[in-house]
Amino acid sequence: MTSKELLYVEDALGHENFMKTCCKKTSTDLTDGALSQYMCELEKKHNEIFDMFLNLL
């Protein structure tokens, strides 16, 4: 993997980690159960994407 590709993967990992954090915080702040559940699902999806990028390393 080139250094440029490594920088891209590291950047993508940072973005996915940020999205996981945002989804988790939002799901706990919401009072609507359906929306909260949807945010939990998004958190799981971003966690899967994070793991996929991490496996590239």
PDB file of N, CA and C in Angstrom:
ATOM      1  N   MET A   1       0.861  -1.174   0.000  1.00  0.00           N
ATOM      2  CA  MET A   1       0.000   0.000   0.000  1.00  0.00           C
ATOM      3  C   MET A   1       0.901   1.228   0.000  1.00  0.00           C
ATOM      4  N   THR A   2       0.579   2.161  -0.883  1.00  0.00           N
ATOM      5  CA  THR A   2       1.378   3.383  -0.947  1.00  0.00           C
ATOM      6  C   THR A   2       1.035   4.292   0.224  1.00  0.00           C
ATOM      7  N   SER A   3       1.884   5.269   0.455  1.00  0.00           N
ATOM      8  CA  SER A   3       1.641   6.194   1.566  1.00  0.00           C
ATOM      9  C   SER A   3       0.367   7.002   1.330  1.00  0.00           C
ATOM     10  N   LYS A   4       0.084   7.318   0.071  1.00  0.00           N
ATOM     11  CA  LYS A   4      -1.137   8.070  -0.245  1.00  0.00           C
ATOM     12  C   LYS A   4      -2.375   7.227   0.058  1.00  0.00           C
ATOM     13  N   GLU A   5      -2.326   5.954  -0.299  1.00  0.00           N
ATOM     14  CA  GLU A   5      -3.445   5.057  -0.009  1.00  0.00           C
ATOM     15  C   GLU A   5      -3.613   4.882   1.498  1.00  0.00           C
ATOM     16  N   LEU A   6      -2.523   4.785   2.207  1.00  0.00           N
ATOM     17  CA  LEU A   6      -2.577   4.658   3.667  1.00  0.00           C
ATOM     18  C   LEU A   6      -3.223   5.889   4.291  1.00  0.00           C
ATOM     19  N   LEU A   7      -2.875   7.071   3.796  1.00  0.00           N
ATOM     20  CA  LEU A   7      -3.491   8.301   4.296  1.00  0.00           C
ATOM     21  C   LEU A   7      -4.991   8.305   4.040  1.00  0.00           C
ATOM     22  N   TYR A   8      -5.403   7.804   2.867  1.00  0.00           N
ATOM     23  CA  TYR A   8      -6.824   7.733   2.555  1.00  0.00           C
ATOM     24  C   TYR A   8      -7.545   6.807   3.533  1.00  0.00           C
ATOM     25  N   VAL A   9      -6.979   5.642   3.798  1.00  0.00           N
ATOM     26  CA  VAL A   9      -7.610   4.681   4.711  1.00  0.00           C
ATOM     27  C   VAL A   9      -7.676   5.261   6.116  1.00  0.00           C
ATOM     28  N   GLU A  10      -6.601   5.920   6.561  1.00  0.00           N
ATOM     29  CA  GLU A  10      -6.613   6.530   7.894  1.00  0.00           C
ATOM     30  C   GLU A  10      -7.681   7.617   7.985  1.00  0.00           C
ATOM     31  N   ASP A  11      -7.822   8.396   6.923  1.00  0.00           N
ATOM     32  CA  ASP A  11      -8.845   9.446   6.892  1.00  0.00           C
ATOM     33  C   ASP A  11     -10.237   8.831   6.935  1.00  0.00           C
ATOM     34  N   ALA A  12     -10.445   7.772   6.165  1.00  0.00           N
ATOM     35  CA  ALA A  12     -11.744   7.095   6.153  1.00  0.00           C
ATOM     36  C   ALA A  12     -12.059   6.503   7.524  1.00  0.00           C
ATOM     37  N   LEU A  13     -11.057   5.945   8.192  1.00  0.00           N
ATOM     38  CA  LEU A  13     -11.263   5.406   9.546  1.00  0.00           C
ATOM     39  C   LEU A  13     -11.693   6.510  10.503  1.00  0.00           C
ATOM     40  N   GLY A  14     -11.073   7.667  10.382  1.00  0.00           N
ATOM     41  CA  GLY A  14     -11.451   8.795  11.229  1.00  0.00           C
ATOM     42  C   GLY A  14     -12.882   9.242  10.993  1.00  0.00           C
ATOM     43  N   HIS A  15     -13.280   9.291   9.727  1.00  0.00           N
ATOM     44  CA  HIS A  15     -14.651   9.689   9.400  1.00  0.00           C
ATOM     45  C   HIS A  15     -15.668   8.676   9.927  1.00  0.00           C
ATOM     46  N   GLU A  16     -15.375   7.404   9.742  1.00  0.00           N
ATOM     47  CA  GLU A  16     -16.307   6.375  10.216  1.00  0.00           C
ATOM     48  C   GLU A  16     -16.386   6.372  11.742  1.00  0.00           C
ATOM     49  N   ASN A  17     -15.269   6.598  12.406  1.00  0.00           N
ATOM     50  CA  ASN A  17     -15.281   6.667  13.867  1.00  0.00           C
ATOM     51  C   ASN A  17     -16.121   7.850  14.339  1.00  0.00           C
ATOM     52  N   PHE A  18     -15.995   8.983  13.646  1.00  0.00           N
ATOM     53  CA  PHE A  18     -16.791  10.165  13.977  1.00  0.00           C
ATOM     54  C   PHE A  18     -18.278   9.885  13.785  1.00  0.00           C
ATOM     55  N   MET A  19     -18.629   9.211  12.684  1.00  0.00           N
ATOM     56  CA  MET A  19     -20.033   8.893  12.424  1.00  0.00           C
ATOM     57  C   MET A  19     -20.587   7.924  13.465  1.00  0.00           C
ATOM     58  N   LYS A  20     -19.790   6.948  13.880  1.00  0.00           N
ATOM     59  CA  LYS A  20     -20.236   6.030  14.937  1.00  0.00           C
ATOM     60  C   LYS A  20     -20.540   6.802  16.210  1.00  0.00           C
ATOM     61  N   THR A  21     -19.644   7.711  16.574  1.00  0.00           N
ATOM     62  CA  THR A  21     -19.816   8.501  17.787  1.00  0.00           C
ATOM     63  C   THR A  21     -21.063   9.374  17.705  1.00  0.00           C
ATOM     64  N   CYS A  22     -21.257  10.022  16.551  1.00  0.00           N
ATOM     65  CA  CYS A  22     -22.436  10.883  16.369  1.00  0.00           C
ATOM     66  C   CYS A  22     -23.729  10.084  16.444  1.00  0.00           C
ATOM     67  N   CYS A  23     -23.747   8.932  15.799  1.00  0.00           N
ATOM     68  CA  CYS A  23     -24.955   8.103  15.804  1.00  0.00           C
ATOM     69  C   CYS A  23     -25.275   7.621  17.215  1.00  0.00           C
ATOM     70  N   LYS A  24     -24.242   7.224  17.952  1.00  0.00           N
ATOM     71  CA  LYS A  24     -24.458   6.729  19.316  1.00  0.00           C
ATOM     72  C   LYS A  24     -25.014   7.834  20.211  1.00  0.00           C
ATOM     73  N   LYS A  25     -24.411   9.024  20.130  1.00  0.00           N
ATOM     74  CA  LYS A  25     -24.876  10.145  20.952  1.00  0.00           C
ATOM     75  C   LYS A  25     -26.301  10.542  20.576  1.00  0.00           C
ATOM     76  N   THR A  26     -26.571  10.604  19.285  1.00  0.00           N
ATOM     77  CA  THR A  26     -27.899  11.000  18.827  1.00  0.00           C
ATOM     78  C   THR A  26     -28.956   9.993  19.256  1.00  0.00           C
ATOM     79  N   SER A  27     -28.623   8.703  19.187  1.00  0.00           N
ATOM     80  CA  SER A  27     -29.606   7.680  19.568  1.00  0.00           C
ATOM     81  C   SER A  27     -29.977   7.785  21.043  1.00  0.00           C
ATOM     82  N   THR A  28     -29.029   8.190  21.877  1.00  0.00           N
ATOM     83  CA  THR A  28     -29.343   8.327  23.302  1.00  0.00           C
ATOM     84  C   THR A  28     -30.089   9.627  23.592  1.00  0.00           C
ATOM     85  N   ASP A  29     -29.902  10.640  22.736  1.00  0.00           N
ATOM     86  CA  ASP A  29     -30.563  11.937  22.954  1.00  0.00           C
ATOM     87  C   ASP A  29     -32.001  11.972  22.439  1.00  0.00           C
ATOM     88  N   LEU A  30     -32.332  11.111  21.489  1.00  0.00           N
ATOM     89  CA  LEU A  30     -33.669  11.137  20.891  1.00  0.00           C
ATOM     90  C   LEU A  30     -34.715  10.550  21.841  1.00  0.00           C
ATOM     91  N   THR A  31     -35.898  11.135  21.801  1.00  0.00           N
ATOM     92  CA  THR A  31     -36.993  10.615  22.617  1.00  0.00           C
ATOM     93  C   THR A  31     -37.915   9.708  21.801  1.00  0.00           C
ATOM     94  N   ASP A  32     -37.886   9.844  20.487  1.00  0.00           N
ATOM     95  CA  ASP A  32     -38.687   8.995  19.608  1.00  0.00           C
ATOM     96  C   ASP A  32     -38.000   7.636  19.483  1.00  0.00           C
ATOM     97  N   GLY A  33     -38.686   6.587  19.888  1.00  0.00           N
ATOM     98  CA  GLY A  33     -38.111   5.256  19.902  1.00  0.00           C
ATOM     99  C   GLY A  33     -37.704   4.746  18.533  1.00  0.00           C
ATOM    100  N   ALA A  34     -38.519   5.033  17.532  1.00  0.00           N
ATOM    101  CA  ALA A  34     -38.219   4.560  16.182  1.00  0.00           C
ATOM    102  C   ALA A  34     -36.970   5.237  15.622  1.00  0.00           C
ATOM    103  N   LEU A  35     -36.871   6.547  15.833  1.00  0.00           N
ATOM    104  CA  LEU A  35     -35.689   7.263  15.369  1.00  0.00           C
ATOM    105  C   LEU A  35     -34.439   6.824  16.124  1.00  0.00           C
ATOM    106  N   SER A  36     -34.595   6.599  17.404  1.00  0.00           N
ATOM    107  CA  SER A  36     -33.471   6.135  18.217  1.00  0.00           C
ATOM    108  C   SER A  36     -32.984   4.774  17.727  1.00  0.00           C
ATOM    109  N   GLN A  37     -33.918   3.880  17.416  1.00  0.00           N
ATOM    110  CA  GLN A  37     -33.563   2.561  16.897  1.00  0.00           C
ATOM    111  C   GLN A  37     -32.856   2.678  15.551  1.00  0.00           C
ATOM    112  N   TYR A  38     -33.342   3.585  14.697  1.00  0.00           N
ATOM    113  CA  TYR A  38     -32.724   3.793  13.396  1.00  0.00           C
ATOM    114  C   TYR A  38     -31.281   4.276  13.562  1.00  0.00           C
ATOM    115  N   MET A  39     -31.051   5.175  14.509  1.00  0.00           N
ATOM    116  CA  MET A  39     -29.696   5.668  14.751  1.00  0.00           C
ATOM    117  C   MET A  39     -28.790   4.550  15.264  1.00  0.00           C
ATOM    118  N   CYS A  40     -29.332   3.649  16.049  1.00  0.00           N
ATOM    119  CA  CYS A  40     -28.553   2.488  16.504  1.00  0.00           C
ATOM    120  C   CYS A  40     -28.164   1.610  15.317  1.00  0.00           C
ATOM    121  N   GLU A  41     -29.081   1.441  14.367  1.00  0.00           N
ATOM    122  CA  GLU A  41     -28.781   0.669  13.170  1.00  0.00           C
ATOM    123  C   GLU A  41     -27.689   1.347  12.343  1.00  0.00           C
ATOM    124  N   LEU A  42     -27.766   2.682  12.235  1.00  0.00           N
ATOM    125  CA  LEU A  42     -26.727   3.418  11.519  1.00  0.00           C
ATOM    126  C   LEU A  42     -25.373   3.280  12.210  1.00  0.00           C
ATOM    127  N   GLU A  43     -25.389   3.300  13.540  1.00  0.00           N
ATOM    128  CA  GLU A  43     -24.138   3.118  14.288  1.00  0.00           C
ATOM    129  C   GLU A  43     -23.518   1.763  13.961  1.00  0.00           C
ATOM    130  N   LYS A  44     -24.340   0.724  13.919  1.00  0.00           N
ATOM    131  CA  LYS A  44     -23.844  -0.613  13.585  1.00  0.00           C
ATOM    132  C   LYS A  44     -23.279  -0.647  12.171  1.00  0.00           C
ATOM    133  N   LYS A  45     -23.969   0.010  11.230  1.00  0.00           N
ATOM    134  CA  LYS A  45     -23.503   0.038   9.844  1.00  0.00           C
ATOM    135  C   LYS A  45     -22.151   0.736   9.739  1.00  0.00           C
ATOM    136  N   HIS A  46     -22.005   1.868  10.431  1.00  0.00           N
ATOM    137  CA  HIS A  46     -20.732   2.585  10.400  1.00  0.00           C
ATOM    138  C   HIS A  46     -19.635   1.774  11.092  1.00  0.00           C
ATOM    139  N   ASN A  47     -20.001   1.003  12.080  1.00  0.00           N
ATOM    140  CA  ASN A  47     -19.027   0.129  12.726  1.00  0.00           C
ATOM    141  C   ASN A  47     -18.545  -0.950  11.749  1.00  0.00           C
ATOM    142  N   GLU A  48     -19.463  -1.497  10.961  1.00  0.00           N
ATOM    143  CA  GLU A  48     -19.096  -2.496   9.949  1.00  0.00           C
ATOM    144  C   GLU A  48     -18.160  -1.888   8.903  1.00  0.00           C
ATOM    145  N   ILE A  49     -18.474  -0.681   8.458  1.00  0.00           N
ATOM    146  CA  ILE A  49     -17.632  -0.007   7.465  1.00  0.00           C
ATOM    147  C   ILE A  49     -16.256   0.283   8.062  1.00  0.00           C
ATOM    148  N   PHE A  50     -16.221   0.721   9.322  1.00  0.00           N
ATOM    149  CA  PHE A  50     -14.962   0.965  10.016  1.00  0.00           C
ATOM    150  C   PHE A  50     -14.116  -0.308  10.025  1.00  0.00           C
ATOM    151  N   ASP A  51     -14.746  -1.427  10.366  1.00  0.00           N
ATOM    152  CA  ASP A  51     -14.021  -2.709  10.415  1.00  0.00           C
ATOM    153  C   ASP A  51     -13.508  -3.104   9.033  1.00  0.00           C
ATOM    154  N   MET A  52     -14.284  -2.820   7.989  1.00  0.00           N
ATOM    155  CA  MET A  52     -13.836  -3.140   6.622  1.00  0.00           C
ATOM    156  C   MET A  52     -12.593  -2.346   6.259  1.00  0.00           C
ATOM    157  N   PHE A  53     -12.594  -1.053   6.579  1.00  0.00           N
ATOM    158  CA  PHE A  53     -11.412  -0.246   6.320  1.00  0.00           C
ATOM    159  C   PHE A  53     -10.229  -0.715   7.163  1.00  0.00           C
ATOM    160  N   LEU A  54     -10.474  -1.063   8.397  1.00  0.00           N
ATOM    161  CA  LEU A  54      -9.406  -1.516   9.278  1.00  0.00           C
ATOM    162  C   LEU A  54      -8.782  -2.810   8.755  1.00  0.00           C
ATOM    163  N   ASN A  55      -9.582  -3.659   8.161  1.00  0.00           N
ATOM    164  CA  ASN A  55      -9.059  -4.909   7.613  1.00  0.00           C
ATOM    165  C   ASN A  55      -8.169  -4.677   6.393  1.00  0.00           C
ATOM    166  N   LEU A  56      -8.236  -3.507   5.785  1.00  0.00           N
ATOM    167  CA  LEU A  56      -7.339  -3.187   4.676  1.00  0.00           C
ATOM    168  C   LEU A  56      -5.898  -3.033   5.137  1.00  0.00           C
ATOM    169  N   LEU A  57      -5.745  -2.702   6.405  1.00  0.00           N
ATOM    170  CA  LEU A  57      -4.392  -2.512   6.946  1.00  0.00           C
ATOM    171  C   LEU A  57      -3.886  -3.850   7.358  1.00  0.00           C
TER     172      LEU A  57
END
